[in-house]
Amino acid sequence: MIAGSHCINRRRCSQGAARRRVFPVVTGDICPAHESGYNIDNIACKSIEVANATPGCEAFTLAEILVSVFVLGIIVIMVAQLMTSATAITRAGNKHVDTDTQAREVLDRMALDFSQMLKRIDVDYYVKGPANYVGHGNGHGWGHRPPPGQLGSDQIAFFSEVLGYNPTPSAGVPNPVPGSISLVAYRINQNTSTDPAYLRLQRMGKRLIWNGTPPSGNDSNNPRPMAFLPLTIAPSTTDASGRWPTSVSASAADADYETIGPGVFRFEYYYLLKNGRVTDVPWNTDSPPGHTSLAGIGLSDVEAIVVAIAVIDPAGRALIDAASLTSLLDLAADMDDFATAPGRGVGGAHQIGDMEYRWKGILFGDASQGLPGVVNTGLTGNGTPVPPDAVKAIRIYNRYFDLKSL
């Protein structure tokens, strides 16, 4: 039997003192108490004290707890601010992704249509210019609604060798085939606010054929043939009724129209001529040659068509519509036409990007142009409300399309 089973096991734990235990020392020799036959209860074996590894009984003071809570609160506030900022940045980034994606799709579709445009002198073009164009052109800056007979945005219609709208099968044409040539048109729908396509960019791709007899009746599944001058797309002096009047209307219904840009509410274009001039007249008025119309030249004076669009994301549009159903139209009217946007070139000459620069100033403010910015005032030039957060979601894009004309 090992001595020490009855030895003293002492502990001390007082105000942070470390605990200690007493253990007997067992050696190779037999305890003398056992050899002599003495009473083991009266003899204490040799022992040593070993410090216990158990933590002490100390506690935090009130001051230490208060300091810890204060530091923890600062850390929580900093993390919360970082999360809030990150959320705002992410939300704005997502809005820009929406508008970027939509603008890319619209401009890529236009690039295809313009690249396949018929560039001939014996076909008609419905393009902005001082003749045979019933759209706007006198400007409508700062909330001045378009005058009667004018539009808030530009329109364009031309023939292009792209596949046209494929109608649904009918009894007469069970398997309609897309035509190899189409009448292409772009417009901002300006029917009424109850129209689902109101103030949205629409594209027409009307299926045509190169030659043939005009179809009888009103069967839209039978494609019409191409029209050559003096027949025109819109009503004109040489063609009183025009072949396709709906293609040059901002509100007329036509099954061949589809909404291609639901967030595009402003659409303008202008021309880069081969002489380097940027203008809204599609021919060279310098003398020589001193052209006065497209007759006999088509678009041969035009090097490129420059398109500018303003796009808003769905959430921003919903905010504007909730504020007022007329606010978005007024906002579009605030954004100058090419004719009224100040030129920043030598002598006030227009350059590519001047109109778009003006648009940004109207939306976001520009002291150099004397523009407070709708984002700061919360009002259009016509006095209708526009939430600033919705204005921040608007982005402006442009792209120029080389016509590669000879």
Protein backbone atom coordinates (compact mmCIF):
# COMPACT_ATOMS: atom_id res chain seq x y z
CA MET A 1 0.00 0.00 0.00
CA ILE A 2 1.38 3.39 -0.97
CA ALA A 3 1.61 5.81 1.80
CA GLY A 4 -0.09 9.12 1.41
CA SER A 5 -3.69 8.09 0.89
CA HIS A 6 -4.46 9.81 4.11
CA CYS A 7 -2.03 12.69 3.57
CA ILE A 8 -3.17 16.29 3.63
CA ASN A 9 -4.41 17.81 0.33
CA ARG A 10 -4.33 21.55 0.88
CA ARG A 11 -5.91 24.15 -1.46
CA ARG A 12 -5.76 27.90 -1.41
CA CYS A 13 -8.05 30.17 -3.51
CA SER A 14 -8.33 33.59 -2.04
CA GLN A 15 -8.70 36.78 -4.10
CA GLY A 16 -6.93 35.51 -7.19
CA ALA A 17 -4.33 33.31 -5.44
CA ALA A 18 -3.34 30.29 -7.47
CA ARG A 19 -4.61 26.91 -6.34
CA ARG A 20 -2.02 24.50 -5.00
CA ARG A 21 -2.31 20.82 -4.13
CA VAL A 22 -0.09 18.68 -1.92
CA PHE A 23 0.97 15.31 -3.30
CA PRO A 24 3.08 12.66 -1.56
CA VAL A 25 6.51 11.89 -2.90
CA VAL A 26 6.85 8.24 -3.68
CA THR A 27 10.38 6.89 -3.74
CA GLY A 28 11.94 3.54 -4.00
CA ASP A 29 12.34 3.27 -0.18
CA ILE A 30 9.51 2.15 2.03
CA CYS A 31 8.11 4.84 4.26
CA PRO A 32 9.71 4.51 7.73
CA ALA A 33 6.30 4.66 9.27
CA HIS A 34 5.43 1.39 7.63
CA GLU A 35 8.66 -0.30 8.67
CA SER A 36 8.31 0.62 12.33
CA GLY A 37 4.69 -0.29 12.53
CA TYR A 38 3.61 3.14 13.70
CA ASN A 39 0.12 4.43 13.24
CA ILE A 40 -0.01 5.83 9.72
CA ASP A 41 -2.69 8.36 10.66
CA ASN A 42 -0.26 10.23 12.89
CA ILE A 43 2.53 10.53 10.39
CA ALA A 44 2.64 12.89 7.41
CA CYS A 45 4.66 11.65 4.53
CA LYS A 46 7.08 13.94 2.70
CA SER A 47 5.20 15.94 0.14
CA ILE A 48 5.63 18.74 -2.40
CA GLU A 49 3.27 21.44 -3.57
CA VAL A 50 2.40 21.59 -7.29
CA ALA A 51 0.78 24.71 -8.78
CA ASN A 52 -2.59 23.98 -10.36
CA ALA A 53 -2.93 25.02 -14.02
CA THR A 54 -6.57 26.00 -13.47
CA PRO A 55 -7.12 29.76 -14.15
CA GLY A 56 -7.45 32.09 -11.28
CA CYS A 57 -10.65 33.54 -9.95
CA GLU A 58 -10.04 37.12 -11.17
CA ALA A 59 -12.99 39.14 -12.80
CA PHE A 60 -13.19 42.26 -15.06
CA THR A 61 -13.73 45.60 -13.42
CA LEU A 62 -16.63 47.84 -14.43
CA ALA A 63 -14.29 50.25 -16.22
CA GLU A 64 -12.82 47.42 -18.33
CA ILE A 65 -16.30 46.23 -19.34
CA LEU A 66 -17.36 49.76 -20.37
CA VAL A 67 -14.26 50.25 -22.50
CA SER A 68 -14.79 46.86 -24.20
CA VAL A 69 -18.43 47.68 -25.00
CA PHE A 70 -17.41 51.09 -26.37
CA VAL A 71 -14.75 49.59 -28.67
CA LEU A 72 -17.15 46.87 -29.83
CA GLY A 73 -19.78 49.51 -30.64
CA ILE A 74 -17.32 51.46 -32.78
CA ILE A 75 -16.41 48.31 -34.71
CA VAL A 76 -20.10 47.44 -35.29
CA ILE A 77 -20.85 50.96 -36.56
CA MET A 78 -17.90 50.88 -38.95
CA VAL A 79 -18.92 47.49 -40.34
CA ALA A 80 -22.53 48.66 -40.75
CA GLN A 81 -21.40 51.74 -42.69
CA LEU A 82 -19.23 49.61 -44.93
CA MET A 83 -22.13 47.25 -45.63
CA THR A 84 -24.48 50.16 -46.36
CA SER A 85 -22.00 51.74 -48.79
CA ALA A 86 -21.36 48.40 -50.48
CA THR A 87 -25.11 47.83 -50.89
CA ALA A 88 -25.62 51.27 -52.44
CA ILE A 89 -22.71 50.78 -54.83
CA THR A 90 -23.97 47.33 -55.81
CA ARG A 91 -27.48 48.64 -56.41
CA ALA A 92 -26.20 51.48 -58.62
CA GLY A 93 -23.94 49.05 -60.45
CA ASN A 94 -26.85 46.71 -61.14
CA LYS A 95 -28.88 49.60 -62.56
CA HIS A 96 -26.03 50.52 -64.87
CA VAL A 97 -25.67 46.90 -65.92
CA ASP A 98 -29.37 46.91 -66.92
CA THR A 99 -29.03 50.05 -69.01
CA ASP A 100 -25.67 49.00 -70.48
CA THR A 101 -27.09 45.65 -71.58
CA GLN A 102 -30.15 47.21 -73.15
CA ALA A 103 -28.19 49.93 -74.95
CA ARG A 104 -25.77 47.35 -76.33
CA GLU A 105 -28.62 45.24 -77.72
CA VAL A 106 -30.32 48.25 -79.32
CA LEU A 107 -27.16 49.68 -80.88
CA ASP A 108 -26.01 46.26 -82.12
CA ARG A 109 -29.37 45.79 -83.84
CA MET A 110 -29.04 49.21 -85.43
CA ALA A 111 -25.52 48.37 -86.56
CA LEU A 112 -26.81 45.35 -88.43
CA ASP A 113 -29.65 47.30 -90.05
CA PHE A 114 -27.42 50.19 -91.13
CA SER A 115 -24.72 47.87 -92.45
CA GLN A 116 -27.27 46.25 -94.78
CA MET A 117 -29.00 49.50 -95.77
CA LEU A 118 -29.71 49.93 -99.48
CA LYS A 119 -27.51 52.76 -100.69
CA ARG A 120 -29.06 53.59 -104.01
CA ILE A 121 -30.26 56.75 -105.66
CA ASP A 122 -33.49 55.17 -106.94
CA VAL A 123 -34.98 54.30 -103.55
CA ASP A 124 -36.51 56.48 -100.86
CA TYR A 125 -35.14 57.25 -97.39
CA TYR A 126 -37.17 58.75 -94.59
CA VAL A 127 -34.46 60.57 -92.68
CA LYS A 128 -34.20 63.82 -90.76
CA GLY A 129 -33.65 66.84 -92.95
CA PRO A 130 -35.22 70.08 -94.14
CA ALA A 131 -37.29 68.36 -96.84
CA ASN A 132 -39.92 65.58 -96.75
CA TYR A 133 -39.50 65.07 -93.02
CA VAL A 134 -42.51 65.79 -90.81
CA GLY A 135 -40.80 65.01 -87.52
CA HIS A 136 -39.33 67.59 -85.19
CA GLY A 137 -36.39 69.77 -86.00
CA ASN A 138 -37.00 73.18 -84.43
CA GLY A 139 -35.97 72.05 -80.96
CA HIS A 140 -37.89 71.67 -77.74
CA GLY A 141 -35.42 72.35 -74.95
CA TRP A 142 -36.26 72.98 -71.31
CA GLY A 143 -39.73 71.58 -70.99
CA HIS A 144 -41.19 73.08 -74.15
CA ARG A 145 -43.42 70.37 -75.49
CA PRO A 146 -43.00 69.51 -79.17
CA PRO A 147 -45.16 71.83 -81.29
CA PRO A 148 -48.20 70.37 -83.07
CA GLY A 149 -47.09 68.09 -85.86
CA GLN A 150 -43.65 67.52 -84.36
CA LEU A 151 -42.25 64.66 -82.36
CA GLY A 152 -40.32 64.48 -79.14
CA SER A 153 -37.70 62.18 -80.66
CA ASP A 154 -36.42 61.47 -84.12
CA GLN A 155 -37.72 58.86 -86.56
CA ILE A 156 -36.00 57.05 -89.38
CA ALA A 157 -37.12 54.56 -92.03
CA PHE A 158 -35.11 52.92 -94.82
CA PHE A 159 -34.77 49.71 -96.80
CA SER A 160 -32.32 47.11 -95.56
CA GLU A 161 -31.37 43.62 -96.71
CA VAL A 162 -32.26 41.96 -93.43
CA LEU A 163 -34.93 39.38 -92.67
CA GLY A 164 -38.34 40.90 -92.20
CA TYR A 165 -41.10 40.22 -89.75
CA ASN A 166 -42.34 36.64 -90.09
CA PRO A 167 -46.14 36.65 -89.70
CA THR A 168 -48.19 33.86 -88.25
CA PRO A 169 -49.39 31.14 -90.67
CA SER A 170 -52.76 31.65 -92.29
CA ALA A 171 -55.03 29.73 -94.62
CA GLY A 172 -53.59 31.57 -97.60
CA VAL A 173 -49.96 31.28 -96.50
CA PRO A 174 -49.51 28.20 -94.29
CA ASN A 175 -45.71 28.50 -94.18
CA PRO A 176 -44.69 32.16 -94.44
CA VAL A 177 -41.05 32.74 -95.26
CA PRO A 178 -39.18 35.85 -94.07
CA GLY A 179 -38.35 38.20 -96.91
CA SER A 180 -34.77 38.93 -97.89
CA ILE A 181 -35.40 42.69 -97.76
CA SER A 182 -37.28 44.76 -95.24
CA LEU A 183 -38.53 48.21 -94.52
CA VAL A 184 -36.79 49.10 -91.24
CA ALA A 185 -38.03 51.94 -89.04
CA TYR A 186 -37.24 53.22 -85.55
CA ARG A 187 -39.41 55.42 -83.36
CA ILE A 188 -40.20 56.36 -79.77
CA ASN A 189 -43.85 55.47 -79.31
CA GLN A 190 -45.83 58.60 -78.44
CA ASN A 191 -49.37 57.28 -78.59
CA THR A 192 -50.88 57.68 -75.09
CA SER A 193 -49.69 56.85 -71.60
CA THR A 194 -52.06 53.87 -71.56
CA ASP A 195 -50.20 52.23 -74.45
CA PRO A 196 -47.79 49.56 -73.07
CA ALA A 197 -45.16 50.79 -75.55
CA TYR A 198 -45.54 54.47 -74.63
CA LEU A 199 -42.19 56.33 -74.61
CA ARG A 200 -40.31 53.17 -75.52
CA LEU A 201 -38.11 52.55 -78.55
CA GLN A 202 -39.79 50.44 -81.23
CA ARG A 203 -38.41 48.84 -84.38
CA MET A 204 -40.28 47.90 -87.53
CA GLY A 205 -38.99 45.13 -89.76
CA LYS A 206 -41.67 44.90 -92.47
CA ARG A 207 -41.12 41.98 -94.82
CA LEU A 208 -40.89 42.89 -98.51
CA ILE A 209 -39.99 41.21 -101.78
CA TRP A 210 -37.82 42.58 -104.56
CA ASN A 211 -40.45 42.33 -107.29
CA GLY A 212 -43.91 40.94 -107.86
CA THR A 213 -47.54 41.96 -108.05
CA PRO A 214 -48.96 43.82 -105.06
CA PRO A 215 -51.17 41.52 -102.99
CA SER A 216 -54.92 41.85 -103.15
CA GLY A 217 -56.98 42.52 -100.07
CA ASN A 218 -55.53 43.24 -96.63
CA ASP A 219 -53.74 39.96 -95.93
CA SER A 220 -50.64 41.00 -94.02
CA ASN A 221 -49.10 37.60 -94.68
CA ASN A 222 -48.64 38.50 -98.33
CA PRO A 223 -45.53 40.66 -98.60
CA ARG A 224 -45.60 43.81 -100.67
CA PRO A 225 -42.93 44.42 -103.28
CA MET A 226 -40.17 46.97 -103.03
CA ALA A 227 -41.05 50.53 -104.00
CA PHE A 228 -38.71 52.57 -106.17
CA LEU A 229 -38.82 56.28 -106.76
CA PRO A 230 -41.00 58.23 -107.42
CA LEU A 231 -42.92 56.03 -104.93
CA THR A 232 -41.94 57.00 -101.39
CA ILE A 233 -42.16 55.58 -97.88
CA ALA A 234 -44.09 58.55 -96.45
CA PRO A 235 -46.60 60.79 -98.16
CA SER A 236 -44.76 63.23 -100.43
CA THR A 237 -45.25 65.49 -103.43
CA THR A 238 -44.54 62.57 -105.77
CA ASP A 239 -46.60 60.04 -103.83
CA ALA A 240 -49.52 61.64 -102.03
CA SER A 241 -50.46 58.63 -99.91
CA GLY A 242 -47.05 57.07 -99.37
CA ARG A 243 -46.51 53.33 -99.39
CA TRP A 244 -46.12 52.75 -95.64
CA PRO A 245 -47.50 55.72 -93.65
CA THR A 246 -47.44 53.81 -90.33
CA SER A 247 -43.66 53.52 -90.57
CA VAL A 248 -43.35 57.30 -90.18
CA SER A 249 -46.00 57.75 -87.48
CA ALA A 250 -45.12 58.05 -83.82
CA SER A 251 -48.42 56.61 -82.64
CA ALA A 252 -50.08 54.54 -85.40
CA ALA A 253 -50.48 50.85 -84.61
CA ASP A 254 -48.75 48.33 -86.85
CA ALA A 255 -48.23 44.62 -86.18
CA ASP A 256 -44.70 44.87 -87.58
CA TYR A 257 -43.59 47.17 -84.75
CA GLU A 258 -41.96 45.57 -81.73
CA THR A 259 -40.53 47.16 -78.61
CA ILE A 260 -36.79 46.72 -78.84
CA GLY A 261 -35.75 49.19 -76.12
CA PRO A 262 -38.22 49.32 -73.20
CA GLY A 263 -35.91 51.64 -71.27
CA VAL A 264 -35.03 53.96 -74.20
CA PHE A 265 -37.14 57.12 -73.90
CA ARG A 266 -35.08 59.54 -76.03
CA PHE A 267 -33.75 58.93 -79.55
CA GLU A 268 -31.82 61.39 -81.72
CA TYR A 269 -29.47 61.10 -84.66
CA TYR A 270 -27.38 63.35 -86.87
CA TYR A 271 -24.86 63.02 -89.69
CA LEU A 272 -21.13 63.09 -90.17
CA LEU A 273 -20.59 64.24 -93.73
CA LYS A 274 -17.64 63.28 -95.86
CA ASN A 275 -16.33 66.83 -95.64
CA GLY A 276 -16.01 66.36 -91.88
CA ARG A 277 -18.96 68.51 -90.91
CA VAL A 278 -21.42 67.34 -88.22
CA THR A 279 -24.94 68.40 -89.14
CA ASP A 280 -28.62 67.45 -89.18
CA VAL A 281 -28.83 67.88 -92.98
CA PRO A 282 -28.03 64.67 -94.91
CA TRP A 283 -26.27 66.34 -97.83
CA ASN A 284 -23.41 68.70 -98.45
CA THR A 285 -24.66 72.26 -98.79
CA ASP A 286 -21.23 73.72 -99.53
CA SER A 287 -20.63 75.06 -103.01
CA PRO A 288 -19.58 73.08 -104.84
CA PRO A 289 -21.45 70.78 -104.90
CA GLY A 290 -24.22 72.79 -103.19
CA HIS A 291 -26.77 69.98 -102.90
CA THR A 292 -30.29 70.85 -101.80
CA SER A 293 -31.91 67.42 -101.46
CA LEU A 294 -31.28 63.67 -101.70
CA ALA A 295 -32.49 63.63 -105.30
CA GLY A 296 -29.91 62.00 -107.53
CA ILE A 297 -27.38 61.51 -104.70
CA GLY A 298 -29.12 59.43 -102.04
CA LEU A 299 -26.94 59.36 -98.93
CA SER A 300 -23.69 59.57 -100.86
CA ASP A 301 -22.64 62.74 -98.98
CA VAL A 302 -23.03 61.03 -95.60
CA GLU A 303 -20.03 59.25 -94.08
CA ALA A 304 -21.80 58.05 -90.93
CA ILE A 305 -25.03 58.34 -88.99
CA VAL A 306 -24.54 59.13 -85.29
CA VAL A 307 -27.24 57.82 -82.94
CA ALA A 308 -27.74 59.02 -79.35
CA ILE A 309 -30.14 57.41 -76.89
CA ALA A 310 -31.11 57.98 -73.26
CA VAL A 311 -31.88 54.85 -71.26
CA ILE A 312 -33.44 54.37 -67.82
CA ASP A 313 -33.72 51.17 -65.81
CA PRO A 314 -37.19 49.74 -64.94
CA ALA A 315 -37.05 50.77 -61.27
CA GLY A 316 -36.16 54.37 -62.16
CA ARG A 317 -38.94 54.56 -64.73
CA ALA A 318 -41.44 53.27 -62.17
CA LEU A 319 -40.38 56.03 -59.74
CA ILE A 320 -40.87 58.73 -62.39
CA ASP A 321 -44.25 57.38 -63.49
CA ALA A 322 -45.37 57.23 -59.86
CA ALA A 323 -44.44 60.91 -59.42
CA SER A 324 -46.32 62.02 -62.55
CA LEU A 325 -47.38 60.34 -65.77
CA THR A 326 -46.15 63.35 -67.76
CA SER A 327 -42.76 63.69 -66.06
CA LEU A 328 -40.87 61.38 -68.39
CA LEU A 329 -42.19 63.16 -71.48
CA ASP A 330 -41.24 66.51 -69.95
CA LEU A 331 -37.80 65.15 -69.12
CA ALA A 332 -37.34 63.99 -72.70
CA ALA A 333 -38.46 67.44 -73.88
CA ASP A 334 -35.81 69.07 -71.67
CA MET A 335 -33.11 67.23 -73.59
CA ASP A 336 -32.24 69.39 -76.59
CA ASP A 337 -32.47 68.41 -80.21
CA PHE A 338 -29.32 68.53 -82.29
CA ALA A 339 -30.45 71.87 -83.72
CA THR A 340 -30.75 73.56 -80.31
CA ALA A 341 -27.79 71.93 -78.52
CA PRO A 342 -24.90 74.45 -78.42
CA GLY A 343 -21.87 73.48 -80.47
CA ARG A 344 -18.50 73.44 -78.74
CA GLY A 345 -16.34 73.65 -81.85
CA VAL A 346 -14.62 76.65 -83.39
CA GLY A 347 -17.18 79.37 -83.97
CA GLY A 348 -19.89 77.30 -82.29
CA ALA A 349 -19.65 74.49 -84.83
CA HIS A 350 -21.15 71.20 -83.78
CA GLN A 351 -18.96 68.23 -82.98
CA ILE A 352 -19.78 64.60 -82.26
CA GLY A 353 -20.85 64.41 -78.63
CA ASP A 354 -21.98 68.04 -78.17
CA MET A 355 -25.65 67.14 -77.91
CA GLU A 356 -24.93 64.24 -75.57
CA TYR A 357 -22.81 66.57 -73.41
CA ARG A 358 -25.78 68.94 -73.21
CA TRP A 359 -28.06 66.08 -72.17
CA LYS A 360 -25.76 65.16 -69.29
CA GLY A 361 -25.69 68.77 -68.13
CA ILE A 362 -29.48 68.97 -68.12
CA LEU A 363 -29.78 65.76 -66.12
CA PHE A 364 -26.85 66.05 -63.71
CA GLY A 365 -26.00 69.74 -63.73
CA ASP A 366 -23.15 71.72 -65.31
CA ALA A 367 -22.19 75.13 -63.99
CA SER A 368 -20.22 75.95 -67.15
CA GLN A 369 -23.45 75.66 -69.15
CA GLY A 370 -25.60 77.33 -66.50
CA LEU A 371 -27.53 74.10 -65.91
CA PRO A 372 -28.60 73.27 -62.31
CA GLY A 373 -29.47 69.68 -63.21
CA VAL A 374 -32.77 67.88 -62.72
CA VAL A 375 -31.03 65.59 -60.22
CA ASN A 376 -30.54 68.65 -57.96
CA THR A 377 -33.85 70.48 -58.52
CA GLY A 378 -36.12 67.42 -58.68
CA LEU A 379 -38.19 69.19 -61.33
CA THR A 380 -38.35 69.26 -65.11
CA GLY A 381 -38.38 72.51 -67.05
CA ASN A 382 -42.15 72.15 -67.18
CA GLY A 383 -42.40 71.95 -63.37
CA THR A 384 -43.31 68.26 -63.09
CA PRO A 385 -41.58 66.25 -60.33
CA VAL A 386 -38.77 63.80 -61.01
CA PRO A 387 -37.23 61.81 -58.11
CA PRO A 388 -33.45 62.46 -58.02
CA ASP A 389 -32.74 58.75 -57.48
CA ALA A 390 -34.51 58.00 -60.76
CA VAL A 391 -32.41 60.59 -62.61
CA LYS A 392 -29.25 58.94 -61.30
CA ALA A 393 -30.32 55.73 -63.06
CA ILE A 394 -30.37 57.41 -66.51
CA ARG A 395 -27.44 56.84 -68.81
CA ILE A 396 -26.67 58.33 -72.23
CA TYR A 397 -25.07 56.41 -75.09
CA ASN A 398 -24.03 57.18 -78.64
CA ARG A 399 -22.53 55.29 -81.51
CA TYR A 400 -21.80 56.25 -85.08
CA PHE A 401 -22.50 53.87 -87.92
CA ASP A 402 -20.30 54.10 -91.00
CA LEU A 403 -22.46 53.84 -94.11
CA LYS A 404 -19.49 52.95 -96.31
CA SER A 405 -21.12 54.78 -99.19
CA LEU A 406 -19.11 55.60 -102.33
